[in-house]
Amino acid sequence: MENIAIINHVGLIQFETIGELIRSFKQRVDANGVHMSTYKKVLLVMIESLENIMKHSAKCPENLTKSFQHYMPVFSIAKRKNQFIIVSSNSVAKQNIPDFRERLDYLSHLDQQGLKDFYKETITNGMFTKRGGAGLGLIEMAKVSGNKITYEFTPMNEYCDQFKMTIIIEEPLK
């Protein structure tokens, strides 16, 4: 069965863009009778993903990439049977990749209880990143989806890679 596109955005992400995409998502799923619990999960992952793109996209020198347009941020939501597939992509500085990869790999090894415990530990330990967050968004997305976050890095130039993250949320069968 093929995927049905719900949202497909390529381009810069700003606060206004996030609002427009949320409205578009709401309109499209209202007509399709999505479970409220699934809607809330997809919406949370959507908002966290879009905020991550907005806050953490690296400013890569345009003239060093083969095709700058090819590396614009991407956000999409598709539906296949009872699954919502959320894909986000943005540039990241190569210097940040080792820590980022380590965090993602650590999250992928935790079960639901482990994610809950790690969330509590992170929120109470007072460790915040340079950008003001504690990395709670990734933990929350992993917790809410109930599935492992899959990701890949694709080299852009000597300074940046393109980061692509996929999260799947299962909708209960009717």
Protein backbone atom coordinates (compact mmCIF):
# COMPACT_ATOMS: atom_id res chain seq x y z
CA MET A 1 0.00 0.00 0.00
CA GLU A 2 1.35 3.41 -0.86
CA ASN A 3 1.67 6.38 1.44
CA ILE A 4 -0.97 9.12 1.40
CA ALA A 5 0.66 12.54 1.77
CA ILE A 6 -0.91 14.72 4.46
CA ILE A 7 1.75 17.42 4.81
CA ASN A 8 4.74 17.98 2.54
CA HIS A 9 6.75 21.14 3.23
CA VAL A 10 10.12 22.08 1.78
CA GLY A 11 11.66 25.37 2.87
CA LEU A 12 12.56 27.48 5.84
CA ILE A 13 10.66 26.92 9.09
CA GLN A 14 9.57 29.94 11.11
CA PHE A 15 6.90 30.40 13.81
CA GLU A 16 4.35 31.40 11.16
CA THR A 17 5.21 28.30 9.11
CA ILE A 18 4.61 26.07 12.12
CA GLY A 19 1.17 27.62 12.68
CA GLU A 20 0.23 27.18 9.02
CA LEU A 21 1.35 23.54 8.99
CA ILE A 22 -0.57 22.77 12.19
CA ARG A 23 -3.75 24.28 10.70
CA SER A 24 -3.24 22.32 7.50
CA PHE A 25 -2.72 19.08 9.42
CA LYS A 26 -5.83 19.68 11.53
CA GLN A 27 -7.98 20.29 8.44
CA ARG A 28 -6.72 17.19 6.69
CA VAL A 29 -7.13 14.78 9.61
CA ASP A 30 -10.53 16.11 10.72
CA ALA A 31 -11.96 14.80 7.47
CA ASN A 32 -10.37 11.37 7.94
CA GLY A 33 -11.69 10.41 11.38
CA VAL A 34 -8.35 10.02 13.15
CA HIS A 35 -8.48 8.83 16.78
CA MET A 36 -8.05 11.77 19.17
CA SER A 37 -5.18 10.02 20.99
CA THR A 38 -3.36 9.47 17.69
CA TYR A 39 -4.02 13.06 16.61
CA LYS A 40 -2.44 14.35 19.85
CA LYS A 41 0.62 12.12 19.43
CA VAL A 42 1.18 13.15 15.82
CA LEU A 43 0.65 16.80 16.72
CA LEU A 44 3.21 16.63 19.55
CA VAL A 45 5.82 14.97 17.33
CA MET A 46 5.00 17.44 14.55
CA ILE A 47 5.52 20.48 16.78
CA GLU A 48 8.73 19.11 18.34
CA SER A 49 10.14 18.22 14.91
CA LEU A 50 9.33 21.63 13.44
CA GLU A 51 10.76 23.46 16.45
CA ASN A 52 13.94 21.36 16.20
CA ILE A 53 14.31 22.33 12.55
CA MET A 54 13.69 26.00 13.35
CA LYS A 55 16.06 26.14 16.35
CA HIS A 56 18.83 23.74 15.38
CA SER A 57 19.35 23.99 11.63
CA ALA A 58 22.97 24.86 10.91
CA LYS A 59 23.83 27.84 8.79
CA CYS A 60 25.95 26.12 6.15
CA PRO A 61 27.90 28.18 3.63
CA GLU A 62 25.66 28.11 0.55
CA ASN A 63 28.47 28.19 -1.98
CA LEU A 64 30.01 25.02 -0.51
CA THR A 65 27.00 22.83 -1.16
CA LYS A 66 26.43 21.19 -4.50
CA SER A 67 22.79 22.20 -4.57
CA PHE A 68 21.61 24.44 -1.76
CA GLN A 69 17.96 23.87 -2.69
CA HIS A 70 18.50 20.14 -2.27
CA TYR A 71 19.37 20.75 1.38
CA MET A 72 16.45 22.94 2.40
CA PRO A 73 14.60 21.80 5.53
CA VAL A 74 11.91 19.22 4.81
CA PHE A 75 8.92 18.19 6.88
CA SER A 76 6.30 15.65 5.90
CA ILE A 77 3.52 13.54 7.34
CA ALA A 78 2.17 10.59 5.42
CA LYS A 79 -0.34 7.89 6.29
CA ARG A 80 -0.02 4.22 5.38
CA LYS A 81 -2.71 1.89 6.69
CA ASN A 82 -2.71 2.54 10.44
CA GLN A 83 0.62 4.36 10.55
CA PHE A 84 1.52 8.04 10.48
CA ILE A 85 5.06 8.53 9.15
CA ILE A 86 6.65 11.80 10.21
CA VAL A 87 9.86 12.79 8.43
CA SER A 88 11.96 15.85 9.13
CA SER A 89 15.25 16.89 7.61
CA ASN A 90 17.63 19.79 8.16
CA SER A 91 21.28 20.71 8.09
CA VAL A 92 23.46 20.13 11.16
CA ALA A 93 27.02 21.20 11.87
CA LYS A 94 29.45 18.28 11.64
CA GLN A 95 30.94 19.23 15.02
CA ASN A 96 27.56 18.51 16.71
CA ILE A 97 26.97 15.13 15.10
CA PRO A 98 28.89 12.85 17.52
CA ASP A 99 26.94 14.05 20.59
CA PHE A 100 23.69 14.08 18.65
CA ARG A 101 24.24 10.55 17.32
CA GLU A 102 25.16 9.32 20.81
CA ARG A 103 21.93 10.76 22.26
CA LEU A 104 19.78 9.24 19.49
CA ASP A 105 21.45 5.85 19.84
CA TYR A 106 20.99 5.95 23.60
CA LEU A 107 17.28 6.71 23.20
CA SER A 108 16.86 3.86 20.71
CA HIS A 109 18.08 1.36 23.32
CA LEU A 110 15.57 2.42 25.98
CA ASP A 111 12.19 0.80 26.47
CA GLN A 112 9.12 2.86 27.46
CA GLN A 113 9.98 2.75 31.18
CA GLY A 114 13.58 3.67 30.41
CA LEU A 115 12.39 6.66 28.37
CA LYS A 116 10.14 7.80 31.24
CA ASP A 117 13.01 7.47 33.72
CA PHE A 118 15.45 9.27 31.42
CA TYR A 119 12.92 12.08 30.90
CA LYS A 120 12.56 12.52 34.68
CA GLU A 121 16.32 12.42 35.16
CA THR A 122 16.90 14.97 32.38
CA ILE A 123 14.24 17.37 33.61
CA THR A 124 15.56 17.32 37.18
CA ASN A 125 19.34 17.36 36.57
CA GLY A 126 19.41 20.97 35.36
CA MET A 127 21.58 20.21 32.33
CA PHE A 128 20.70 22.57 29.50
CA THR A 129 22.23 22.97 26.08
CA LYS A 130 23.75 26.17 24.71
CA ARG A 131 20.46 26.79 22.90
CA GLY A 132 18.46 26.61 26.14
CA GLY A 133 16.94 23.14 25.87
CA ALA A 134 17.65 20.02 27.83
CA GLY A 135 17.05 17.68 24.90
CA LEU A 136 13.60 16.81 26.19
CA GLY A 137 12.02 17.04 22.74
CA LEU A 138 13.75 13.95 21.40
CA ILE A 139 12.92 12.01 24.55
CA GLU A 140 9.28 13.12 24.35
CA MET A 141 9.03 12.14 20.67
CA ALA A 142 10.46 8.68 21.39
CA LYS A 143 8.13 8.26 24.39
CA VAL A 144 4.98 9.38 22.59
CA SER A 145 5.56 7.45 19.37
CA GLY A 146 6.20 4.15 21.11
CA ASN A 147 8.61 3.35 18.27
CA LYS A 148 12.32 3.82 17.71
CA ILE A 149 13.46 7.01 16.01
CA THR A 150 15.31 6.19 12.82
CA TYR A 151 17.80 8.66 11.42
CA GLU A 152 20.59 9.18 8.94
CA PHE A 153 23.23 11.79 8.18
CA THR A 154 24.15 12.66 4.59
CA PRO A 155 27.29 14.74 3.97
CA MET A 156 26.65 18.17 2.45
CA ASN A 157 30.11 19.77 2.61
CA GLU A 158 33.07 19.96 4.99
CA TYR A 159 31.01 21.84 7.60
CA CYS A 160 27.52 20.33 7.51
CA ASP A 161 25.53 17.14 7.06
CA GLN A 162 21.87 16.76 6.24
CA PHE A 163 20.07 15.07 9.15
CA LYS A 164 16.92 13.07 8.38
CA MET A 165 14.71 11.68 11.15
CA THR A 166 11.72 9.37 10.75
CA ILE A 167 9.16 8.67 13.47
CA ILE A 168 6.23 6.29 13.07
CA ILE A 169 3.08 6.51 15.14
CA GLU A 170 0.64 3.60 15.04
CA GLU A 171 -3.08 4.33 15.08
CA PRO A 172 -5.23 1.71 16.81
CA LEU A 173 -7.19 -0.36 14.32
CA LYS A 174 -10.87 0.49 14.24
